[in-house]
Amino acid sequence: MSDTLEAAVEVTAQEAQESRKALIAKIDELKHALTESRVVQTCRQVGTQVDEKVHEKPYQYIVGAAAVGALAGLVLGLLVAHRHD
């Protein structure tokens, strides 16, 4: 092959490699965005379901939250009391 033809083939191969790398990077970016949008959509659905359940039976959730708070307070109190002994 002539030097000019070899240089043209080399430049074309380099451009193809660069285009391939750019395309792969864009595909990875789109995959990441799709995954994030699915996570956001799932979180919104769960949030909506929890909101509906809390509005249906608010006292169960109030009692549950109070129980968790009391248990956390008891554990922290025991840890602090044990530390001072």
Protein backbone atom coordinates (compact mmCIF):
# COMPACT_ATOMS: atom_id res chain seq x y z
CA MET A 1 0.00 0.00 0.00
CA SER A 2 1.06 3.52 -0.53
CA ASP A 3 1.88 5.74 2.40
CA THR A 4 -1.15 7.95 1.71
CA LEU A 5 -3.53 5.00 1.67
CA GLU A 6 -2.02 3.56 4.85
CA ALA A 7 -2.35 6.94 6.57
CA ALA A 8 -5.99 7.24 5.48
CA VAL A 9 -6.77 3.74 6.76
CA GLU A 10 -5.05 4.51 10.07
CA VAL A 11 -6.97 7.79 10.50
CA THR A 12 -10.26 6.05 9.66
CA ALA A 13 -9.52 3.27 12.14
CA GLN A 14 -8.71 5.83 14.85
CA GLU A 15 -11.90 7.76 14.15
CA ALA A 16 -13.92 4.54 14.25
CA GLN A 17 -12.35 3.63 17.60
CA GLU A 18 -13.08 7.10 19.01
CA SER A 19 -16.67 6.95 17.76
CA ARG A 20 -17.09 3.52 19.30
CA LYS A 21 -15.77 4.76 22.67
CA ALA A 22 -18.11 7.76 22.56
CA LEU A 23 -21.07 5.55 21.67
CA ILE A 24 -20.31 3.12 24.49
CA ALA A 25 -20.01 6.02 26.95
CA LYS A 26 -23.38 7.40 25.81
CA ILE A 27 -25.00 3.96 26.13
CA ASP A 28 -23.63 3.62 29.67
CA GLU A 29 -24.94 7.10 30.51
CA LEU A 30 -28.40 6.21 29.20
CA LYS A 31 -28.42 2.91 31.12
CA HIS A 32 -27.57 4.82 34.31
CA ALA A 33 -30.33 7.36 33.66
CA LEU A 34 -32.84 4.58 32.98
CA THR A 35 -31.90 2.81 36.20
CA GLU A 36 -32.27 6.04 38.16
CA SER A 37 -35.65 6.77 36.63
CA ARG A 38 -36.84 3.26 37.55
CA VAL A 39 -35.64 3.77 41.13
CA VAL A 40 -37.39 7.14 41.32
CA GLN A 41 -40.59 5.65 39.87
CA THR A 42 -40.49 2.75 42.36
CA CYS A 43 -39.91 5.14 45.27
CA ARG A 44 -42.85 7.28 44.21
CA GLN A 45 -45.10 4.23 43.97
CA VAL A 46 -44.05 3.04 47.42
CA GLY A 47 -44.52 6.54 48.83
CA THR A 48 -48.01 6.75 47.34
CA GLN A 49 -48.94 3.34 48.76
CA VAL A 50 -47.65 4.25 52.22
CA ASP A 51 -49.50 7.57 52.09
CA GLU A 52 -52.75 5.78 51.22
CA LYS A 53 -52.30 3.23 54.02
CA VAL A 54 -51.52 5.95 56.58
CA HIS A 55 -54.66 7.84 55.58
CA GLU A 56 -56.73 4.65 55.86
CA LYS A 57 -55.48 3.70 59.35
CA PRO A 58 -53.50 6.58 60.87
CA TYR A 59 -53.63 5.37 64.48
CA GLN A 60 -51.82 2.13 63.69
CA TYR A 61 -48.93 4.12 62.26
CA ILE A 62 -48.95 6.60 65.14
CA VAL A 63 -48.79 3.76 67.67
CA GLY A 64 -46.08 2.05 65.61
CA ALA A 65 -43.97 5.20 65.46
CA ALA A 66 -44.43 5.76 69.21
CA ALA A 67 -43.38 2.16 69.93
CA VAL A 68 -40.24 2.51 67.79
CA GLY A 69 -39.43 5.82 69.51
CA ALA A 70 -39.95 4.33 72.97
CA LEU A 71 -37.79 1.32 72.13
CA ALA A 72 -35.02 3.55 70.75
CA GLY A 73 -35.21 5.72 73.88
CA LEU A 74 -35.03 2.66 76.13
CA VAL A 75 -32.01 1.26 74.32
CA LEU A 76 -30.21 4.62 74.36
CA GLY A 77 -31.06 5.09 78.03
CA LEU A 78 -29.68 1.66 78.90
CA LEU A 79 -26.50 2.34 76.92
CA VAL A 80 -25.96 5.69 78.61
CA ALA A 81 -26.68 4.25 82.08
CA HIS A 82 -24.34 1.32 81.44
CA ARG A 83 -21.60 3.69 80.32
CA HIS A 84 -21.77 5.72 83.56
CA ASP A 85 -21.41 2.64 85.77
